[in-house]
């Protein structure tokens, strides 16, 4: 039918593990990692070519 049923277990497991791991990382490094990820995604989006 689609690829969504295959993605759901990974989404649930990733959200659970990510939330638990984030509890063990100090606040400042976690914020810096989030900022770096957002900047990376923004630069990647800005550099990508528009679809034709």
PDB file of N, CA and C in Angstrom:
ATOM      1  N   UNK A   1       0.819  -1.195   0.000  1.00  0.00           N
ATOM      2  CA  UNK A   1       0.000   0.000   0.000  1.00  0.00           C
ATOM      3  C   UNK A   1       0.859   1.254   0.000  1.00  0.00           C
ATOM      4  N   UNK A   2       1.927   1.257   0.744  1.00  0.00           N
ATOM      5  CA  UNK A   2       2.778   2.436   0.805  1.00  0.00           C
ATOM      6  C   UNK A   2       3.963   2.166   1.705  1.00  0.00           C
ATOM      7  N   UNK A   3       4.772   3.156   1.869  1.00  0.00           N
ATOM      8  CA  UNK A   3       5.967   2.988   2.693  1.00  0.00           C
ATOM      9  C   UNK A   3       5.753   3.433   4.134  1.00  0.00           C
ATOM     10  N   UNK A   4       4.618   4.053   4.443  1.00  0.00           N
ATOM     11  CA  UNK A   4       4.372   4.555   5.792  1.00  0.00           C
ATOM     12  C   UNK A   4       4.377   3.461   6.859  1.00  0.00           C
ATOM     13  N   UNK A   5       3.739   2.302   6.644  1.00  0.00           N
ATOM     14  CA  UNK A   5       3.780   1.271   7.693  1.00  0.00           C
ATOM     15  C   UNK A   5       5.203   0.836   8.053  1.00  0.00           C
ATOM     16  N   UNK A   6       6.104   0.881   7.099  1.00  0.00           N
ATOM     17  CA  UNK A   6       7.491   0.535   7.389  1.00  0.00           C
ATOM     18  C   UNK A   6       8.237   1.626   8.134  1.00  0.00           C
ATOM     19  N   UNK A   7       7.779   2.859   8.021  1.00  0.00           N
ATOM     20  CA  UNK A   7       8.440   3.975   8.694  1.00  0.00           C
ATOM     21  C   UNK A   7       7.991   4.147  10.140  1.00  0.00           C
ATOM     22  N   UNK A   8       6.771   3.754  10.436  1.00  0.00           N
ATOM     23  CA  UNK A   8       6.198   4.015  11.758  1.00  0.00           C
ATOM     24  C   UNK A   8       7.042   3.429  12.894  1.00  0.00           C
ATOM     25  N   UNK A   9       7.486   2.159  12.830  1.00  0.00           N
ATOM     26  CA  UNK A   9       8.311   1.646  13.939  1.00  0.00           C
ATOM     27  C   UNK A   9       9.598   2.450  14.148  1.00  0.00           C
ATOM     28  N   UNK A  10      10.231   2.860  13.072  1.00  0.00           N
ATOM     29  CA  UNK A  10      11.459   3.652  13.191  1.00  0.00           C
ATOM     30  C   UNK A  10      11.205   5.026  13.781  1.00  0.00           C
ATOM     31  N   UNK A  11      10.087   5.638  13.411  1.00  0.00           N
ATOM     32  CA  UNK A  11       9.734   6.949  13.957  1.00  0.00           C
ATOM     33  C   UNK A  11       9.488   6.844  15.454  1.00  0.00           C
ATOM     34  N   UNK A  12       8.707   5.842  15.857  1.00  0.00           N
ATOM     35  CA  UNK A  12       8.386   5.666  17.278  1.00  0.00           C
ATOM     36  C   UNK A  12       9.645   5.352  18.073  1.00  0.00           C
ATOM     37  N   UNK A  13      10.444   4.419  17.593  1.00  0.00           N
ATOM     38  CA  UNK A  13      11.671   4.040  18.299  1.00  0.00           C
ATOM     39  C   UNK A  13      12.664   5.199  18.343  1.00  0.00           C
ATOM     40  N   UNK A  14      12.813   5.909  17.236  1.00  0.00           N
ATOM     41  CA  UNK A  14      13.735   7.044  17.196  1.00  0.00           C
ATOM     42  C   UNK A  14      13.317   8.164  18.129  1.00  0.00           C
ATOM     43  N   UNK A  15      12.015   8.443  18.195  1.00  0.00           N
ATOM     44  CA  UNK A  15      11.526   9.486  19.101  1.00  0.00           C
ATOM     45  C   UNK A  15      11.763   9.085  20.553  1.00  0.00           C
ATOM     46  N   UNK A  16      11.498   7.828  20.870  1.00  0.00           N
ATOM     47  CA  UNK A  16      11.689   7.349  22.245  1.00  0.00           C
ATOM     48  C   UNK A  16      13.163   7.388  22.645  1.00  0.00           C
ATOM     49  N   UNK A  17      14.019   6.827  21.803  1.00  0.00           N
ATOM     50  CA  UNK A  17      15.448   6.799  22.123  1.00  0.00           C
ATOM     51  C   UNK A  17      16.054   8.201  22.115  1.00  0.00           C
ATOM     52  N   UNK A  18      15.665   9.016  21.145  1.00  0.00           N
ATOM     53  CA  UNK A  18      16.189  10.380  21.081  1.00  0.00           C
ATOM     54  C   UNK A  18      15.819  11.195  22.303  1.00  0.00           C
ATOM     55  N   UNK A  19      14.582  11.051  22.755  1.00  0.00           N
ATOM     56  CA  UNK A  19      14.152  11.766  23.957  1.00  0.00           C
ATOM     57  C   UNK A  19      14.899  11.310  25.193  1.00  0.00           C
ATOM     58  N   UNK A  20      15.117  10.010  25.315  1.00  0.00           N
ATOM     59  CA  UNK A  20      15.840   9.495  26.481  1.00  0.00           C
ATOM     60  C   UNK A  20      17.317   9.877  26.447  1.00  0.00           C
ATOM     61  N   UNK A  21      17.927   9.828  25.286  1.00  0.00           N
ATOM     62  CA  UNK A  21      19.336  10.213  25.173  1.00  0.00           C
ATOM     63  C   UNK A  21      19.505  11.699  25.450  1.00  0.00           C
ATOM     64  N   UNK A  22      18.561  12.512  24.985  1.00  0.00           N
ATOM     65  CA  UNK A  22      18.644  13.959  25.196  1.00  0.00           C
ATOM     66  C   UNK A  22      18.603  14.317  26.675  1.00  0.00           C
ATOM     67  N   UNK A  23      17.987  13.476  27.495  1.00  0.00           N
ATOM     68  CA  UNK A  23      17.950  13.739  28.936  1.00  0.00           C
ATOM     69  C   UNK A  23      19.327  13.629  29.579  1.00  0.00           C
ATOM     70  N   UNK A  24      20.244  12.891  28.959  1.00  0.00           N
ATOM     71  CA  UNK A  24      21.573  12.696  29.530  1.00  0.00           C
ATOM     72  C   UNK A  24      22.599  13.695  29.006  1.00  0.00           C
ATOM     73  N   UNK A  25      22.247  14.473  27.990  1.00  0.00           N
ATOM     74  CA  UNK A  25      23.169  15.451  27.415  1.00  0.00           C
ATOM     75  C   UNK A  25      22.937  16.792  28.098  1.00  0.00           C
ATOM     76  N   UNK A  26      23.994  17.456  28.563  1.00  0.00           N
ATOM     77  CA  UNK A  26      23.829  18.775  29.194  1.00  0.00           C
ATOM     78  C   UNK A  26      23.167  19.772  28.242  1.00  0.00           C
ATOM     79  N   UNK A  27      22.564  20.782  28.813  1.00  0.00           N
ATOM     80  CA  UNK A  27      21.740  21.734  28.068  1.00  0.00           C
ATOM     81  C   UNK A  27      22.507  22.453  26.953  1.00  0.00           C
ATOM     82  N   UNK A  28      23.672  22.998  27.263  1.00  0.00           N
ATOM     83  CA  UNK A  28      24.408  23.798  26.277  1.00  0.00           C
ATOM     84  C   UNK A  28      24.858  22.975  25.066  1.00  0.00           C
ATOM     85  N   UNK A  29      25.485  21.814  25.242  1.00  0.00           N
ATOM     86  CA  UNK A  29      25.855  21.032  24.053  1.00  0.00           C
ATOM     87  C   UNK A  29      24.643  20.596  23.227  1.00  0.00           C
ATOM     88  N   UNK A  30      23.539  20.313  23.891  1.00  0.00           N
ATOM     89  CA  UNK A  30      22.327  19.923  23.168  1.00  0.00           C
ATOM     90  C   UNK A  30      21.809  21.082  22.324  1.00  0.00           C
ATOM     91  N   UNK A  31      21.824  22.280  22.884  1.00  0.00           N
ATOM     92  CA  UNK A  31      21.403  23.470  22.130  1.00  0.00           C
ATOM     93  C   UNK A  31      22.333  23.728  20.947  1.00  0.00           C
ATOM     94  N   UNK A  32      23.633  23.585  21.166  1.00  0.00           N
ATOM     95  CA  UNK A  32      24.597  23.815  20.087  1.00  0.00           C
ATOM     96  C   UNK A  32      24.431  22.790  18.964  1.00  0.00           C
ATOM     97  N   UNK A  33      24.178  21.536  19.331  1.00  0.00           N
ATOM     98  CA  UNK A  33      23.955  20.506  18.311  1.00  0.00           C
ATOM     99  C   UNK A  33      22.691  20.808  17.514  1.00  0.00           C
ATOM    100  N   UNK A  34      21.652  21.275  18.190  1.00  0.00           N
ATOM    101  CA  UNK A  34      20.408  21.622  17.506  1.00  0.00           C
ATOM    102  C   UNK A  34      20.626  22.800  16.563  1.00  0.00           C
ATOM    103  N   UNK A  35      21.358  23.805  17.026  1.00  0.00           N
ATOM    104  CA  UNK A  35      21.658  24.971  16.186  1.00  0.00           C
ATOM    105  C   UNK A  35      22.456  24.546  14.954  1.00  0.00           C
ATOM    106  N   UNK A  36      23.455  23.684  15.155  1.00  0.00           N
ATOM    107  CA  UNK A  36      24.271  23.217  14.030  1.00  0.00           C
ATOM    108  C   UNK A  36      23.423  22.451  13.021  1.00  0.00           C
ATOM    109  N   UNK A  37      22.506  21.616  13.505  1.00  0.00           N
ATOM    110  CA  UNK A  37      21.644  20.851  12.601  1.00  0.00           C
ATOM    111  C   UNK A  37      20.729  21.773  11.807  1.00  0.00           C
ATOM    112  N   UNK A  38      20.166  22.790  12.459  1.00  0.00           N
ATOM    113  CA  UNK A  38      19.269  23.724  11.780  1.00  0.00           C
ATOM    114  C   UNK A  38      20.040  24.536  10.732  1.00  0.00           C
ATOM    115  N   UNK A  39      21.241  24.990  11.076  1.00  0.00           N
ATOM    116  CA  UNK A  39      22.054  25.750  10.115  1.00  0.00           C
ATOM    117  C   UNK A  39      22.421  24.870   8.923  1.00  0.00           C
ATOM    118  N   UNK A  40      22.809  23.635   9.187  1.00  0.00           N
ATOM    119  CA  UNK A  40      23.160  22.710   8.107  1.00  0.00           C
ATOM    120  C   UNK A  40      21.975  22.494   7.169  1.00  0.00           C
ATOM    121  N   UNK A  41      20.792  22.263   7.736  1.00  0.00           N
ATOM    122  CA  UNK A  41      19.604  22.061   6.894  1.00  0.00           C
ATOM    123  C   UNK A  41      19.265  23.316   6.102  1.00  0.00           C
ATOM    124  N   UNK A  42      19.414  24.478   6.720  1.00  0.00           N
ATOM    125  CA  UNK A  42      19.132  25.729   6.022  1.00  0.00           C
ATOM    126  C   UNK A  42      20.081  25.969   4.865  1.00  0.00           C
ATOM    127  N   UNK A  43      21.360  25.726   5.088  1.00  0.00           N
ATOM    128  CA  UNK A  43      22.353  25.904   4.022  1.00  0.00           C
ATOM    129  C   UNK A  43      22.109  24.893   2.904  1.00  0.00           C
ATOM    130  N   UNK A  44      21.811  23.656   3.271  1.00  0.00           N
ATOM    131  CA  UNK A  44      21.524  22.642   2.250  1.00  0.00           C
ATOM    132  C   UNK A  44      20.311  23.031   1.421  1.00  0.00           C
ATOM    133  N   UNK A  45      19.284  23.538   2.071  1.00  0.00           N
ATOM    134  CA  UNK A  45      18.076  23.961   1.365  1.00  0.00           C
ATOM    135  C   UNK A  45      18.372  25.151   0.458  1.00  0.00           C
ATOM    136  N   UNK A  46      19.152  26.098   0.947  1.00  0.00           N
ATOM    137  CA  UNK A  46      19.457  27.295   0.163  1.00  0.00           C
ATOM    138  C   UNK A  46      20.325  26.967  -1.053  1.00  0.00           C
ATOM    139  N   UNK A  47      21.164  25.959  -0.950  1.00  0.00           N
ATOM    140  CA  UNK A  47      22.060  25.607  -2.047  1.00  0.00           C
ATOM    141  C   UNK A  47      21.441  24.650  -3.049  1.00  0.00           C
ATOM    142  N   UNK A  48      20.306  24.057  -2.711  1.00  0.00           N
ATOM    143  CA  UNK A  48      19.692  23.090  -3.621  1.00  0.00           C
ATOM    144  C   UNK A  48      19.052  23.800  -4.810  1.00  0.00           C
ATOM    145  N   UNK A  49      18.981  23.081  -5.908  1.00  0.00           N
ATOM    146  CA  UNK A  49      18.382  23.642  -7.115  1.00  0.00           C
ATOM    147  C   UNK A  49      16.870  23.477  -7.055  1.00  0.00           C
ATOM    148  N   UNK A  50      16.177  24.422  -7.637  1.00  0.00           N
ATOM    149  CA  UNK A  50      14.719  24.355  -7.687  1.00  0.00           C
ATOM    150  C   UNK A  50      14.293  23.234  -8.624  1.00  0.00           C
ATOM    151  N   UNK A  51      13.228  22.520  -8.272  1.00  0.00           N
ATOM    152  CA  UNK A  51      12.755  21.465  -9.177  1.00  0.00           C
ATOM    153  C   UNK A  51      12.227  22.058 -10.479  1.00  0.00           C
ATOM    154  N   UNK A  52      12.381  21.304 -11.529  1.00  0.00           N
ATOM    155  CA  UNK A  52      11.943  21.802 -12.843  1.00  0.00           C
ATOM    156  C   UNK A  52      10.575  21.295 -13.210  1.00  0.00           C
TER     157      UNK A  52
END
